Every structure is written in structure tokens, then in C-alpha cells.
C-alpha atoms as a PDB file:
ATOM      1  CA  UNK A   1      87.033 -63.937 124.773  1.00  0.00           C
ATOM      2  CA  UNK A   2      83.485 -64.306 123.754  1.00  0.00           C
ATOM      3  CA  UNK A   3      82.633 -63.177 120.244  1.00  0.00           C
ATOM      4  CA  UNK A   4      79.204 -61.710 119.670  1.00  0.00           C
ATOM      5  CA  UNK A   5      77.752 -62.950 116.434  1.00  0.00           C
ATOM      6  CA  UNK A   6      75.311 -60.747 114.579  1.00  0.00           C
ATOM      7  CA  UNK A   7      71.976 -62.472 114.090  1.00  0.00           C
ATOM      8  CA  UNK A   8      71.432 -63.736 110.581  1.00  0.00           C
ATOM      9  CA  UNK A   9      69.644 -61.330 108.318  1.00  0.00           C
ATOM     10  CA  UNK A  10      66.354 -62.874 107.259  1.00  0.00           C
ATOM     11  CA  UNK A  11      65.908 -63.350 103.570  1.00  0.00           C
ATOM     12  CA  UNK A  12      63.673 -60.688 102.089  1.00  0.00           C
ATOM     13  CA  UNK A  13      60.329 -62.091 101.058  1.00  0.00           C
ATOM     14  CA  UNK A  14      59.511 -62.122  97.392  1.00  0.00           C
ATOM     15  CA  UNK A  15      57.537 -59.027  96.380  1.00  0.00           C
ATOM     16  CA  UNK A  16      53.828 -59.628  95.897  1.00  0.00           C
ATOM     17  CA  UNK A  17      52.555 -59.754  92.338  1.00  0.00           C
ATOM     18  CA  UNK A  18      51.507 -56.348  91.045  1.00  0.00           C
ATOM     19  CA  UNK A  19      47.875 -55.494  91.486  1.00  0.00           C
ATOM     20  CA  UNK A  20      45.780 -54.598  88.493  1.00  0.00           C
ATOM     21  CA  UNK A  21      45.443 -50.838  88.307  1.00  0.00           C
ATOM     22  CA  UNK A  22      41.924 -49.747  89.211  1.00  0.00           C
ATOM     23  CA  UNK A  23      39.940 -47.813  86.653  1.00  0.00           C
ATOM     24  CA  UNK A  24      39.844 -44.754  88.866  1.00  0.00           C
ATOM     25  CA  UNK A  25      42.690 -43.638  91.120  1.00  0.00           C
ATOM     26  CA  UNK A  26      41.931 -42.041  94.482  1.00  0.00           C
ATOM     27  CA  UNK A  27      44.096 -40.193  96.977  1.00  0.00           C
ATOM     28  CA  UNK A  28      42.775 -38.997 100.347  1.00  0.00           C
ATOM     29  CA  UNK A  29      44.340 -36.343 102.579  1.00  0.00           C
ATOM     30  CA  UNK A  30      43.118 -35.947 106.191  1.00  0.00           C
ATOM     31  CA  UNK A  31      43.287 -32.828 108.364  1.00  0.00           C
ATOM     32  CA  UNK A  32      43.093 -30.316 105.519  1.00  0.00           C
ATOM     33  CA  UNK A  33      41.881 -26.836 106.481  1.00  0.00           C
ATOM     34  CA  UNK A  34      39.328 -24.919 104.461  1.00  0.00           C
ATOM     35  CA  UNK A  35      41.975 -22.384 103.478  1.00  0.00           C
ATOM     36  CA  UNK A  36      44.305 -25.122 102.197  1.00  0.00           C
ATOM     37  CA  UNK A  37      41.430 -26.763 100.314  1.00  0.00           C
ATOM     38  CA  UNK A  38      40.738 -23.495  98.500  1.00  0.00           C
ATOM     39  CA  UNK A  39      44.437 -23.048  97.672  1.00  0.00           C
ATOM     40  CA  UNK A  40      44.722 -26.607  96.366  1.00  0.00           C
ATOM     41  CA  UNK A  41      41.611 -26.138  94.258  1.00  0.00           C
ATOM     42  CA  UNK A  42      43.097 -22.975  92.763  1.00  0.00           C
ATOM     43  CA  UNK A  43      46.254 -24.872  91.809  1.00  0.00           C
ATOM     44  CA  UNK A  44      44.244 -27.540  89.987  1.00  0.00           C
ATOM     45  CA  UNK A  45      41.782 -25.184  88.286  1.00  0.00           C
ATOM     46  CA  UNK A  46      42.456 -26.664  84.823  1.00  0.00           C
ATOM     47  CA  UNK A  47      42.472 -30.364  85.552  1.00  0.00           C
ATOM     48  CA  UNK A  48      40.510 -32.469  83.056  1.00  0.00           C
ATOM     49  CA  UNK A  49      39.824 -35.906  84.460  1.00  0.00           C
ATOM     50  CA  UNK A  50      40.414 -34.919  88.113  1.00  0.00           C
ATOM     51  CA  UNK A  51      37.599 -34.485  90.641  1.00  0.00           C
ATOM     52  CA  UNK A  52      38.076 -33.005  94.134  1.00  0.00           C
ATOM     53  CA  UNK A  53      35.744 -33.586  97.092  1.00  0.00           C
ATOM     54  CA  UNK A  54      36.123 -31.889 100.484  1.00  0.00           C
ATOM     55  CA  UNK A  55      34.235 -32.887 103.621  1.00  0.00           C
ATOM     56  CA  UNK A  56      35.080 -31.135 106.889  1.00  0.00           C
ATOM     57  CA  UNK A  57      38.824 -31.649 106.773  1.00  0.00           C
ATOM     58  CA  UNK A  58      39.040 -34.677 104.471  1.00  0.00           C
ATOM     59  CA  UNK A  59      40.154 -34.024 100.893  1.00  0.00           C
ATOM     60  CA  UNK A  60      39.823 -36.600  98.131  1.00  0.00           C
ATOM     61  CA  UNK A  61      41.327 -36.480  94.653  1.00  0.00           C
ATOM     62  CA  UNK A  62      39.816 -38.825  92.080  1.00  0.00           C
ATOM     63  CA  UNK A  63      40.951 -39.361  88.520  1.00  0.00           C
ATOM     64  CA  UNK A  64      38.054 -40.389  86.291  1.00  0.00           C
ATOM     65  CA  UNK A  65      38.247 -43.364  83.951  1.00  0.00           C
ATOM     66  CA  UNK A  66      37.191 -43.571  80.288  1.00  0.00           C
ATOM     67  CA  UNK A  67      34.182 -45.676  81.319  1.00  0.00           C
ATOM     68  CA  UNK A  68      33.168 -43.061  83.893  1.00  0.00           C
ATOM     69  CA  UNK A  69      33.387 -40.307  81.281  1.00  0.00           C
ATOM     70  CA  UNK A  70      31.352 -42.270  78.732  1.00  0.00           C
ATOM     71  CA  UNK A  71      28.556 -43.021  81.195  1.00  0.00           C
ATOM     72  CA  UNK A  72      28.541 -39.371  82.198  1.00  0.00           C
ATOM     73  CA  UNK A  73      28.313 -38.244  78.568  1.00  0.00           C
ATOM     74  CA  UNK A  74      25.587 -40.710  77.622  1.00  0.00           C
ATOM     75  CA  UNK A  75      23.379 -39.799  80.569  1.00  0.00           C
ATOM     76  CA  UNK A  76      23.921 -36.104  79.910  1.00  0.00           C
ATOM     77  CA  UNK A  77      22.877 -36.501  76.286  1.00  0.00           C
ATOM     78  CA  UNK A  78      19.813 -38.494  77.286  1.00  0.00           C
ATOM     79  CA  UNK A  79      18.918 -35.754  79.764  1.00  0.00           C
ATOM     80  CA  UNK A  80      19.127 -33.251  76.892  1.00  0.00           C
ATOM     81  CA  UNK A  81      16.771 -35.369  74.785  1.00  0.00           C
ATOM     82  CA  UNK A  82      14.293 -35.731  77.655  1.00  0.00           C
ATOM     83  CA  UNK A  83      14.234 -31.984  78.218  1.00  0.00           C
ATOM     84  CA  UNK A  84      13.922 -31.252  74.513  1.00  0.00           C
ATOM     85  CA  UNK A  85      11.096 -33.708  73.870  1.00  0.00           C
ATOM     86  CA  UNK A  86       9.192 -32.692  77.008  1.00  0.00           C
ATOM     87  CA  UNK A  87       9.885 -28.984  76.397  1.00  0.00           C
ATOM     88  CA  UNK A  88      11.455 -28.587  79.823  1.00  0.00           C
ATOM     89  CA  UNK A  89      13.794 -25.558  80.061  1.00  0.00           C
ATOM     90  CA  UNK A  90      17.000 -26.054  82.036  1.00  0.00           C
ATOM     91  CA  UNK A  91      20.388 -24.497  82.737  1.00  0.00           C
ATOM     92  CA  UNK A  92      23.371 -26.875  82.637  1.00  0.00           C
ATOM     93  CA  UNK A  93      26.101 -26.602  85.254  1.00  0.00           C
ATOM     94  CA  UNK A  94      28.382 -29.410  84.109  1.00  0.00           C
ATOM     95  CA  UNK A  95      31.103 -30.332  86.599  1.00  0.00           C
ATOM     96  CA  UNK A  96      31.408 -26.869  88.134  1.00  0.00           C
ATOM     97  CA  UNK A  97      32.771 -26.583  91.679  1.00  0.00           C
ATOM     98  CA  UNK A  98      30.358 -25.998  94.580  1.00  0.00           C
ATOM     99  CA  UNK A  99      31.817 -24.711  97.835  1.00  0.00           C
ATOM    100  CA  UNK A 100      30.259 -23.550 101.096  1.00  0.00           C
ATOM    101  CA  UNK A 101      32.522 -22.468 103.906  1.00  0.00           C
ATOM    102  CA  UNK A 102      29.634 -22.474 106.379  1.00  0.00           C
ATOM    103  CA  UNK A 103      29.204 -26.190 105.700  1.00  0.00           C
ATOM    104  CA  UNK A 104      32.973 -26.812 105.466  1.00  0.00           C
ATOM    105  CA  UNK A 105      32.284 -28.840 102.326  1.00  0.00           C
ATOM    106  CA  UNK A 106      32.857 -28.689  98.600  1.00  0.00           C
ATOM    107  CA  UNK A 107      32.414 -30.982  95.617  1.00  0.00           C
ATOM    108  CA  UNK A 108      32.242 -31.302  91.853  1.00  0.00           C
ATOM    109  CA  UNK A 109      29.388 -33.320  90.327  1.00  0.00           C
ATOM    110  CA  UNK A 110      29.614 -35.323  87.137  1.00  0.00           C
ATOM    111  CA  UNK A 111      26.818 -33.175  85.727  1.00  0.00           C
ATOM    112  CA  UNK A 112      24.229 -30.869  87.240  1.00  0.00           C
ATOM    113  CA  UNK A 113      21.196 -28.924  86.070  1.00  0.00           C
ATOM    114  CA  UNK A 114      18.792 -26.268  87.223  1.00  0.00           C
ATOM    115  CA  UNK A 115      15.306 -27.268  86.092  1.00  0.00           C
ATOM    116  CA  UNK A 116      12.649 -26.037  88.515  1.00  0.00           C
ATOM    117  CA  UNK A 117      14.893 -23.030  89.283  1.00  0.00           C
ATOM    118  CA  UNK A 118      15.999 -22.501  85.695  1.00  0.00           C
ATOM    119  CA  UNK A 119      14.695 -18.933  85.540  1.00  0.00           C
ATOM    120  CA  UNK A 120      16.574 -17.969  88.727  1.00  0.00           C
ATOM    121  CA  UNK A 121      20.003 -18.723  87.229  1.00  0.00           C
ATOM    122  CA  UNK A 122      19.334 -18.328  83.500  1.00  0.00           C
ATOM    123  CA  UNK A 123      21.464 -15.199  83.129  1.00  0.00           C
ATOM    124  CA  UNK A 124      24.156 -16.088  85.700  1.00  0.00           C
ATOM    125  CA  UNK A 125      27.632 -17.399  84.960  1.00  0.00           C
ATOM    126  CA  UNK A 126      28.695 -17.702  88.608  1.00  0.00           C
ATOM    127  CA  UNK A 127      27.044 -19.342  91.614  1.00  0.00           C
ATOM    128  CA  UNK A 128      26.662 -17.533  94.928  1.00  0.00           C
ATOM    129  CA  UNK A 129      25.411 -19.877  97.688  1.00  0.00           C
ATOM    130  CA  UNK A 130      24.119 -16.883  99.643  1.00  0.00           C
ATOM    131  CA  UNK A 131      21.539 -15.981  97.003  1.00  0.00           C
ATOM    132  CA  UNK A 132      21.425 -18.685  94.327  1.00  0.00           C
ATOM    133  CA  UNK A 133      19.579 -22.005  94.613  1.00  0.00           C
ATOM    134  CA  UNK A 134      21.553 -25.263  94.386  1.00  0.00           C
ATOM    135  CA  UNK A 135      21.146 -27.390  91.245  1.00  0.00           C
ATOM    136  CA  UNK A 136      17.816 -29.165  91.049  1.00  0.00           C
ATOM    137  CA  UNK A 137      19.323 -32.366  89.672  1.00  0.00           C
ATOM    138  CA  UNK A 138      22.719 -34.032  89.636  1.00  0.00           C
ATOM    139  CA  UNK A 139      24.083 -37.042  87.756  1.00  0.00           C
ATOM    140  CA  UNK A 140      26.616 -39.343  89.425  1.00  0.00           C
ATOM    141  CA  UNK A 141      28.459 -42.072  87.515  1.00  0.00           C
ATOM    142  CA  UNK A 142      29.338 -44.742  90.073  1.00  0.00           C
ATOM    143  CA  UNK A 143      32.020 -46.768  88.311  1.00  0.00           C
ATOM    144  CA  UNK A 144      33.724 -47.252  91.697  1.00  0.00           C
ATOM    145  CA  UNK A 145      32.905 -46.097  95.202  1.00  0.00           C
ATOM    146  CA  UNK A 146      34.336 -42.861  96.541  1.00  0.00           C
ATOM    147  CA  UNK A 147      36.339 -42.975  99.764  1.00  0.00           C
ATOM    148  CA  UNK A 148      34.416 -39.882 100.890  1.00  0.00           C
ATOM    149  CA  UNK A 149      30.660 -40.358 101.247  1.00  0.00           C
ATOM    150  CA  UNK A 150      29.199 -37.842  98.807  1.00  0.00           C
ATOM    151  CA  UNK A 151      25.452 -38.239  99.394  1.00  0.00           C
ATOM    152  CA  UNK A 152      25.584 -36.515 102.827  1.00  0.00           C
ATOM    153  CA  UNK A 153      27.451 -33.661 101.151  1.00  0.00           C
ATOM    154  CA  UNK A 154      24.743 -33.342  98.503  1.00  0.00           C
ATOM    155  CA  UNK A 155      22.109 -33.382 101.240  1.00  0.00           C
ATOM    156  CA  UNK A 156      23.931 -30.618 103.122  1.00  0.00           C
ATOM    157  CA  UNK A 157      23.794 -28.520  99.935  1.00  0.00           C
ATOM    158  CA  UNK A 158      20.076 -29.387  99.617  1.00  0.00           C
ATOM    159  CA  UNK A 159      20.290 -30.958  96.155  1.00  0.00           C
ATOM    160  CA  UNK A 160      16.707 -32.159  95.570  1.00  0.00           C
ATOM    161  CA  UNK A 161      17.397 -34.981  93.090  1.00  0.00           C
ATOM    162  CA  UNK A 162      20.328 -37.307  92.342  1.00  0.00           C
ATOM    163  CA  UNK A 163      20.602 -39.758  89.442  1.00  0.00           C
ATOM    164  CA  UNK A 164      23.121 -42.529  90.194  1.00  0.00           C
ATOM    165  CA  UNK A 165      24.254 -44.946  87.481  1.00  0.00           C
ATOM    166  CA  UNK A 166      26.548 -47.897  88.238  1.00  0.00           C
ATOM    167  CA  UNK A 167      26.795 -49.331  84.739  1.00  0.00           C
ATOM    168  CA  UNK A 168      23.678 -51.463  85.061  1.00  0.00           C
ATOM    169  CA  UNK A 169      21.024 -49.656  87.061  1.00  0.00           C
ATOM    170  CA  UNK A 170      19.891 -46.037  87.115  1.00  0.00           C
ATOM    171  CA  UNK A 171      18.612 -45.086  90.561  1.00  0.00           C
ATOM    172  CA  UNK A 172      16.780 -41.858  91.380  1.00  0.00           C
ATOM    173  CA  UNK A 173      17.126 -40.417  94.875  1.00  0.00           C
ATOM    174  CA  UNK A 174      14.969 -37.597  96.194  1.00  0.00           C
ATOM    175  CA  UNK A 175      15.886 -35.443  99.198  1.00  0.00           C
ATOM    176  CA  UNK A 176      13.551 -35.809 102.174  1.00  0.00           C
ATOM    177  CA  UNK A 177      12.599 -33.319 104.872  1.00  0.00           C
ATOM    178  CA  UNK A 178      14.908 -35.035 107.363  1.00  0.00           C
ATOM    179  CA  UNK A 179      17.941 -34.508 105.106  1.00  0.00           C
ATOM    180  CA  UNK A 180      18.204 -38.087 103.842  1.00  0.00           C
ATOM    181  CA  UNK A 181      17.706 -39.453 100.333  1.00  0.00           C
ATOM    182  CA  UNK A 182      15.135 -42.060  99.401  1.00  0.00           C
ATOM    183  CA  UNK A 183      14.794 -44.085  96.222  1.00  0.00           C
ATOM    184  CA  UNK A 184      12.015 -42.935  93.926  1.00  0.00           C
ATOM    185  CA  UNK A 185      10.278 -44.398  90.915  1.00  0.00           C
ATOM    186  CA  UNK A 186       9.876 -40.952  89.353  1.00  0.00           C
ATOM    187  CA  UNK A 187      11.953 -37.864  88.720  1.00  0.00           C
ATOM    188  CA  UNK A 188      10.955 -34.431  89.985  1.00  0.00           C
ATOM    189  CA  UNK A 189      12.275 -32.917  86.764  1.00  0.00           C
ATOM    190  CA  UNK A 190      10.411 -35.338  84.466  1.00  0.00           C
ATOM    191  CA  UNK A 191       7.510 -36.759  86.502  1.00  0.00           C
ATOM    192  CA  UNK A 192       5.656 -38.197  83.489  1.00  0.00           C
ATOM    193  CA  UNK A 193       8.565 -40.446  82.445  1.00  0.00           C
ATOM    194  CA  UNK A 194       9.964 -43.512  84.206  1.00  0.00           C
ATOM    195  CA  UNK A 195      13.483 -42.129  83.960  1.00  0.00           C
ATOM    196  CA  UNK A 196      15.114 -45.204  85.495  1.00  0.00           C
ATOM    197  CA  UNK A 197      14.255 -47.043  82.272  1.00  0.00           C
ATOM    198  CA  UNK A 198      16.932 -44.963  80.565  1.00  0.00           C
ATOM    199  CA  UNK A 199      19.361 -47.565  81.889  1.00  0.00           C
ATOM    200  CA  UNK A 200      18.315 -49.932  79.122  1.00  0.00           C
ATOM    201  CA  UNK A 201      19.814 -47.508  76.610  1.00  0.00           C
ATOM    202  CA  UNK A 202      23.156 -47.210  78.463  1.00  0.00           C
ATOM    203  CA  UNK A 203      25.554 -48.218  77.110  1.00  0.00           C
ATOM    204  CA  UNK A 204      24.481 -48.541  73.469  1.00  0.00           C
ATOM    205  CA  UNK A 205      24.338 -52.260  72.765  1.00  0.00           C
ATOM    206  CA  UNK A 206      25.584 -54.418  69.922  1.00  0.00           C
ATOM    207  CA  UNK A 207      26.406 -52.444  66.813  1.00  0.00           C
ATOM    208  CA  UNK A 208      24.376 -49.454  67.979  1.00  0.00           C
ATOM    209  CA  UNK A 209      26.331 -46.200  68.019  1.00  0.00           C
ATOM    210  CA  UNK A 210      25.542 -43.186  70.197  1.00  0.00           C
ATOM    211  CA  UNK A 211      23.404 -41.527  67.518  1.00  0.00           C
ATOM    212  CA  UNK A 212      21.227 -44.627  67.198  1.00  0.00           C
ATOM    213  CA  UNK A 213      20.951 -44.800  70.987  1.00  0.00           C
ATOM    214  CA  UNK A 214      19.828 -41.162  71.138  1.00  0.00           C
ATOM    215  CA  UNK A 215      17.284 -41.815  68.387  1.00  0.00           C
ATOM    216  CA  UNK A 216      15.979 -44.816  70.359  1.00  0.00           C
ATOM    217  CA  UNK A 217      15.596 -42.687  73.514  1.00  0.00           C
ATOM    218  CA  UNK A 218      13.785 -40.023  71.520  1.00  0.00           C
ATOM    219  CA  UNK A 219      11.396 -42.582  70.009  1.00  0.00           C
ATOM    220  CA  UNK A 220      10.775 -44.095  73.470  1.00  0.00           C
ATOM    221  CA  UNK A 221       9.860 -40.705  74.951  1.00  0.00           C
ATOM    222  CA  UNK A 222       7.601 -39.820  72.033  1.00  0.00           C
ATOM    223  CA  UNK A 223       5.736 -43.116  72.347  1.00  0.00           C
ATOM    224  CA  UNK A 224       5.054 -42.424  76.036  1.00  0.00           C
ATOM    225  CA  UNK A 225       3.892 -38.884  75.309  1.00  0.00           C
ATOM    226  CA  UNK A 226       1.625 -40.139  72.493  1.00  0.00           C
ATOM    227  CA  UNK A 227       0.000 -42.708  74.800  1.00  0.00           C
ATOM    228  CA  UNK A 228      -0.709 -40.102  77.466  1.00  0.00           C
ATOM    229  CA  UNK A 229      -2.171 -37.514  75.106  1.00  0.00           C
END
């Protein structure tokens, strides 16, 4: 009688060495309906450190890193100083959620501001896309790249100006008539200041703390204003 021998079981390979945890964790879900996106957003209403982006069926969760949050804070404070020194009124929107069912898209910026349209939203605590203008300016901290392309989403919402900071360079993008963004040397909100030079103050260097960095930004702006007057 022939005996059938089971094939030898191959030895399990050694597990690969653990990968270093990235600074920011991302999780992407495909084929998510608008209704489910809204429900998920409602569940995570109070979620510090978690950002949700939705683009026509694709949903991305991103947890922000300490470095991301510091860059966001520094740039926000420098924006405040610019507006104060140049006497430019604005309404802050922070990381509020923007959703438009007609576009099938939604996102949360790092920071956003109404500048040119400040008076239109000054007394409003909610945003209605049917009647309210989008933010005039948004700040994006690019510590790592999102799995969902966010610039086309911003363009669909008609955000006129985006500041992107990757830890070394501050880039200003302005929305064009054709719905694309182009790099610009100047900001629409602060046209008299070369805003991209703010990058030299981020992060505070050496033994300089945030208060000294803010004072340096303030002195830099005042010197430019004095030269132009």
C-alpha cells in the first residue's frame, strides 16, 4: 500500500524588523458615502489631534504630530503679528470643518482666516456654504504628505490663498482662474510683505524661545514698514 506523505511545512520566515513609527499616522477608507462621512464626523466631533479629509468617496484620518502642531502654532502666531502690525482686520476659523455636499468633499485646515471678507463673517459663528464666502487664507503644515491630495479640494472650495510650510520653506499659492494654484512671491492678505521670509523665524533657533521669535518677527515687519513710509 502506498502511503501519502504530507509535504514538509516550510519554516516560517523570521519577522521583519519593526519599522520606525511615522510622526503622523494615516488611515484611508475607500467607497465611503457622503452620509457615512457625515455620521463618522459626528462621532469624532471632539477629537484633538485628529484631522479628517473626504474627497468623493475616499476618507482619510490623520493624527497630527507634536512637530505638526508646533509649526501650526508658530505660523498662526506670526500671522497674528503680521495682521496686528499692518492693522489688517481678520476673523480666525482655526481648524473648523468645511463640508459641501454638492462637491462631495470636506476637510479641516490647520488654520484658516477671513481677511478680505472679514466683514462678511465678523458676526457669524457658523459657516453656510450657500451664502458665506470661503476663508481667504489657509495655513497647511506639511510635516508629511497626505494620502489624499488636498490642494484640489481647496481649489474646489475656491480658497484664494494657501500657505504651505514643510519645516524649511514657506510657499504661498494663489488660486488661478482655471482652478489651479500657482506659487507667488507675495500674499494677497499682506501684499507689502515678503511673507515667505517668515520661514527664517520658524522654528525659533538656538536659545531663542517663542516670545523672542515673535519679537523678532515684529521688529522685522516694523523695519519694512519704516522703509516704505
